[in-house]
Amino acid sequence: MAKAIHSMIRVLDEERSVRFYETAFGLTSAERLDFESFTLVYLSNAENSFELELTINKGRTEAYDLGDGYGHLAFCVEDVDAEHARLSEAGFTPRKLVDFAPGGDLLARFFFVKDPDGYEIEVMQRMGRYH
């Protein structure tokens, strides 16, 4: 069976992005590979082996066009209310908390926040299938 190992996004500023993902989600650099025209930074944490790969194309100065095909990354946390408050205090301006309860049953509690390059990140309460 196949195992998901990483997802890649292109970012403009390595330091800014690494700082955001470390502060917001506790991801730290597992490996950094520097090449002539680009750098790859693999971020992870102790929760699992899945990594976020940041690609930094050297010499790029314009923001990437995220288009309409990108959806979002998702993280689950023990206390989504506390994380919302913590990210707000850190200046990351998360959107409002949402209780997703179609038909009356709470399926998910979440909010979205954007990283420095505009990528959407969903932060979900650890519950149900999200653990």
C-alpha atoms as a PDB file:
ATOM      1  CA  MET A   1       0.000   0.000   0.000  1.00  0.00           C
ATOM      2  CA  ALA A   2       1.192   3.538  -0.744  1.00  0.00           C
ATOM      3  CA  LYS A   3       2.144   5.869   2.114  1.00  0.00           C
ATOM      4  CA  ALA A   4       1.735   9.658   1.864  1.00  0.00           C
ATOM      5  CA  ILE A   5       5.110  11.220   2.703  1.00  0.00           C
ATOM      6  CA  HIS A   6       5.000  14.935   1.899  1.00  0.00           C
ATOM      7  CA  SER A   7       3.252  17.827   0.226  1.00  0.00           C
ATOM      8  CA  MET A   8       5.196  20.599  -1.523  1.00  0.00           C
ATOM      9  CA  ILE A   9       4.472  24.321  -1.753  1.00  0.00           C
ATOM     10  CA  ARG A  10       6.544  27.088  -3.335  1.00  0.00           C
ATOM     11  CA  VAL A  11       7.421  30.006  -1.063  1.00  0.00           C
ATOM     12  CA  LEU A  12       9.244  33.284  -1.579  1.00  0.00           C
ATOM     13  CA  ASP A  13      11.069  33.782   1.704  1.00  0.00           C
ATOM     14  CA  GLU A  14      12.553  30.704   3.385  1.00  0.00           C
ATOM     15  CA  GLU A  15      13.154  32.291   6.775  1.00  0.00           C
ATOM     16  CA  ARG A  16       9.687  33.844   6.962  1.00  0.00           C
ATOM     17  CA  SER A  17       7.965  30.580   5.988  1.00  0.00           C
ATOM     18  CA  VAL A  18      10.036  28.383   8.307  1.00  0.00           C
ATOM     19  CA  ARG A  19       9.328  30.786  11.191  1.00  0.00           C
ATOM     20  CA  PHE A  20       5.580  30.742  10.438  1.00  0.00           C
ATOM     21  CA  TYR A  21       5.282  26.935  10.313  1.00  0.00           C
ATOM     22  CA  GLU A  22       7.411  26.517  13.429  1.00  0.00           C
ATOM     23  CA  THR A  23       5.447  29.101  15.422  1.00  0.00           C
ATOM     24  CA  ALA A  24       2.015  28.094  14.150  1.00  0.00           C
ATOM     25  CA  PHE A  25       2.341  24.289  14.002  1.00  0.00           C
ATOM     26  CA  GLY A  26       5.571  23.232  15.697  1.00  0.00           C
ATOM     27  CA  LEU A  27       7.165  22.107  12.423  1.00  0.00           C
ATOM     28  CA  THR A  28      10.942  22.215  12.335  1.00  0.00           C
ATOM     29  CA  SER A  29      13.465  21.557   9.611  1.00  0.00           C
ATOM     30  CA  ALA A  30      14.110  17.829   9.172  1.00  0.00           C
ATOM     31  CA  GLU A  31      16.413  18.440   6.215  1.00  0.00           C
ATOM     32  CA  ARG A  32      17.543  21.316   4.000  1.00  0.00           C
ATOM     33  CA  LEU A  33      18.914  20.684   0.508  1.00  0.00           C
ATOM     34  CA  ASP A  34      20.510  23.618  -1.299  1.00  0.00           C
ATOM     35  CA  PHE A  35      20.944  23.523  -5.083  1.00  0.00           C
ATOM     36  CA  GLU A  36      22.107  26.061  -7.658  1.00  0.00           C
ATOM     37  CA  SER A  37      18.677  27.409  -8.583  1.00  0.00           C
ATOM     38  CA  PHE A  38      16.460  26.282  -5.694  1.00  0.00           C
ATOM     39  CA  THR A  39      16.405  25.113  -2.071  1.00  0.00           C
ATOM     40  CA  LEU A  40      14.234  22.406  -0.533  1.00  0.00           C
ATOM     41  CA  VAL A  41      13.324  22.496   3.160  1.00  0.00           C
ATOM     42  CA  TYR A  42      11.483  19.538   4.691  1.00  0.00           C
ATOM     43  CA  LEU A  43       9.453  20.425   7.780  1.00  0.00           C
ATOM     44  CA  SER A  44       7.990  17.937  10.249  1.00  0.00           C
ATOM     45  CA  ASN A  45       7.105  17.381  13.892  1.00  0.00           C
ATOM     46  CA  ALA A  46       6.908  14.453  16.293  1.00  0.00           C
ATOM     47  CA  GLU A  47       3.172  13.867  15.617  1.00  0.00           C
ATOM     48  CA  ASN A  48       3.820  11.807  12.462  1.00  0.00           C
ATOM     49  CA  SER A  49       6.199  11.193   9.590  1.00  0.00           C
ATOM     50  CA  PHE A  50       4.354  13.324   6.997  1.00  0.00           C
ATOM     51  CA  GLU A  51       6.414  16.340   5.908  1.00  0.00           C
ATOM     52  CA  LEU A  52       5.766  19.714   4.332  1.00  0.00           C
ATOM     53  CA  GLU A  53       8.324  20.445   1.621  1.00  0.00           C
ATOM     54  CA  LEU A  54       9.042  24.130   1.017  1.00  0.00           C
ATOM     55  CA  THR A  55      10.573  24.911  -2.373  1.00  0.00           C
ATOM     56  CA  ILE A  56      12.383  28.227  -2.611  1.00  0.00           C
ATOM     57  CA  ASN A  57      13.263  29.150  -6.208  1.00  0.00           C
ATOM     58  CA  LYS A  58      16.302  31.440  -6.069  1.00  0.00           C
ATOM     59  CA  GLY A  59      15.881  34.816  -7.710  1.00  0.00           C
ATOM     60  CA  ARG A  60      12.087  34.729  -7.551  1.00  0.00           C
ATOM     61  CA  THR A  61      10.696  38.049  -6.337  1.00  0.00           C
ATOM     62  CA  GLU A  62       7.030  37.884  -7.366  1.00  0.00           C
ATOM     63  CA  ALA A  63       4.374  36.133  -5.322  1.00  0.00           C
ATOM     64  CA  TYR A  64       3.180  32.837  -6.756  1.00  0.00           C
ATOM     65  CA  ASP A  65      -0.237  32.713  -8.385  1.00  0.00           C
ATOM     66  CA  LEU A  66      -2.054  30.132  -6.288  1.00  0.00           C
ATOM     67  CA  GLY A  67      -4.753  29.847  -8.926  1.00  0.00           C
ATOM     68  CA  ASP A  68      -8.008  28.084  -8.243  1.00  0.00           C
ATOM     69  CA  GLY A  69      -6.679  24.544  -8.005  1.00  0.00           C
ATOM     70  CA  TYR A  70      -5.025  24.668  -4.583  1.00  0.00           C
ATOM     71  CA  GLY A  71      -7.261  23.657  -1.686  1.00  0.00           C
ATOM     72  CA  HIS A  72      -5.562  23.650   1.712  1.00  0.00           C
ATOM     73  CA  LEU A  73      -3.330  21.855   4.184  1.00  0.00           C
ATOM     74  CA  ALA A  74      -4.935  20.651   7.406  1.00  0.00           C
ATOM     75  CA  PHE A  75      -3.674  20.140  10.955  1.00  0.00           C
ATOM     76  CA  CYS A  76      -5.648  18.756  13.886  1.00  0.00           C
ATOM     77  CA  VAL A  77      -5.085  19.985  17.435  1.00  0.00           C
ATOM     78  CA  GLU A  78      -6.235  19.088  20.937  1.00  0.00           C
ATOM     79  CA  ASP A  79      -7.876  22.457  21.670  1.00  0.00           C
ATOM     80  CA  VAL A  80      -8.928  24.422  18.593  1.00  0.00           C
ATOM     81  CA  ASP A  81     -10.159  27.367  20.704  1.00  0.00           C
ATOM     82  CA  ALA A  82      -6.771  27.719  22.398  1.00  0.00           C
ATOM     83  CA  GLU A  83      -4.963  27.435  19.048  1.00  0.00           C
ATOM     84  CA  HIS A  84      -7.189  30.110  17.533  1.00  0.00           C
ATOM     85  CA  ALA A  85      -6.355  32.431  20.437  1.00  0.00           C
ATOM     86  CA  ARG A  86      -2.624  31.588  20.268  1.00  0.00           C
ATOM     87  CA  LEU A  87      -2.411  32.226  16.512  1.00  0.00           C
ATOM     88  CA  SER A  88      -4.358  35.473  16.935  1.00  0.00           C
ATOM     89  CA  GLU A  89      -1.919  36.615  19.631  1.00  0.00           C
ATOM     90  CA  ALA A  90       0.975  35.700  17.309  1.00  0.00           C
ATOM     91  CA  GLY A  91      -0.473  38.087  14.702  1.00  0.00           C
ATOM     92  CA  PHE A  92      -1.475  35.472  12.121  1.00  0.00           C
ATOM     93  CA  THR A  93      -5.150  36.646  11.877  1.00  0.00           C
ATOM     94  CA  PRO A  94      -7.015  33.333  11.740  1.00  0.00           C
ATOM     95  CA  ARG A  95     -10.552  33.409  10.396  1.00  0.00           C
ATOM     96  CA  LYS A  96     -13.553  32.704  12.651  1.00  0.00           C
ATOM     97  CA  LEU A  97     -14.136  29.331  14.271  1.00  0.00           C
ATOM     98  CA  VAL A  98     -16.738  27.195  12.507  1.00  0.00           C
ATOM     99  CA  ASP A  99     -18.886  24.399  13.910  1.00  0.00           C
ATOM    100  CA  PHE A 100     -19.702  22.161  10.937  1.00  0.00           C
ATOM    101  CA  ALA A 101     -22.885  20.342  11.896  1.00  0.00           C
ATOM    102  CA  PRO A 102     -25.023  19.496   8.884  1.00  0.00           C
ATOM    103  CA  GLY A 103     -28.137  17.718  10.074  1.00  0.00           C
ATOM    104  CA  GLY A 104     -27.425  18.734  13.667  1.00  0.00           C
ATOM    105  CA  ASP A 105     -24.497  16.401  14.392  1.00  0.00           C
ATOM    106  CA  LEU A 106     -21.137  18.132  14.945  1.00  0.00           C
ATOM    107  CA  LEU A 107     -18.744  16.654  12.367  1.00  0.00           C
ATOM    108  CA  ALA A 108     -15.927  19.168  12.692  1.00  0.00           C
ATOM    109  CA  ARG A 109     -14.852  22.340  14.509  1.00  0.00           C
ATOM    110  CA  PHE A 110     -12.248  24.351  12.619  1.00  0.00           C
ATOM    111  CA  PHE A 111     -10.822  27.633  11.381  1.00  0.00           C
ATOM    112  CA  PHE A 112      -8.558  28.682   8.535  1.00  0.00           C
ATOM    113  CA  VAL A 113      -5.380  30.753   8.613  1.00  0.00           C
ATOM    114  CA  LYS A 114      -3.103  31.812   5.747  1.00  0.00           C
ATOM    115  CA  ASP A 115       0.652  31.342   5.675  1.00  0.00           C
ATOM    116  CA  PRO A 116       2.935  34.211   4.530  1.00  0.00           C
ATOM    117  CA  ASP A 117       2.508  33.194   0.864  1.00  0.00           C
ATOM    118  CA  GLY A 118      -1.280  33.018   1.043  1.00  0.00           C
ATOM    119  CA  TYR A 119      -1.699  29.251   1.322  1.00  0.00           C
ATOM    120  CA  GLU A 120      -4.841  28.281   3.233  1.00  0.00           C
ATOM    121  CA  ILE A 121      -4.378  26.059   6.287  1.00  0.00           C
ATOM    122  CA  GLU A 122      -7.269  24.432   8.109  1.00  0.00           C
ATOM    123  CA  VAL A 123      -6.870  23.908  11.847  1.00  0.00           C
ATOM    124  CA  MET A 124      -9.320  21.320  13.183  1.00  0.00           C
ATOM    125  CA  GLN A 125     -10.350  20.083  16.592  1.00  0.00           C
ATOM    126  CA  ARG A 126      -9.052  16.556  17.169  1.00  0.00           C
ATOM    127  CA  MET A 127     -12.282  14.514  17.087  1.00  0.00           C
ATOM    128  CA  GLY A 128     -14.085  11.846  15.097  1.00  0.00           C
ATOM    129  CA  ARG A 129     -12.128  10.930  12.004  1.00  0.00           C
ATOM    130  CA  TYR A 130      -9.718  13.828  12.603  1.00  0.00           C
ATOM    131  CA  HIS A 131      -7.246  12.556  15.160  1.00  0.00           C
END
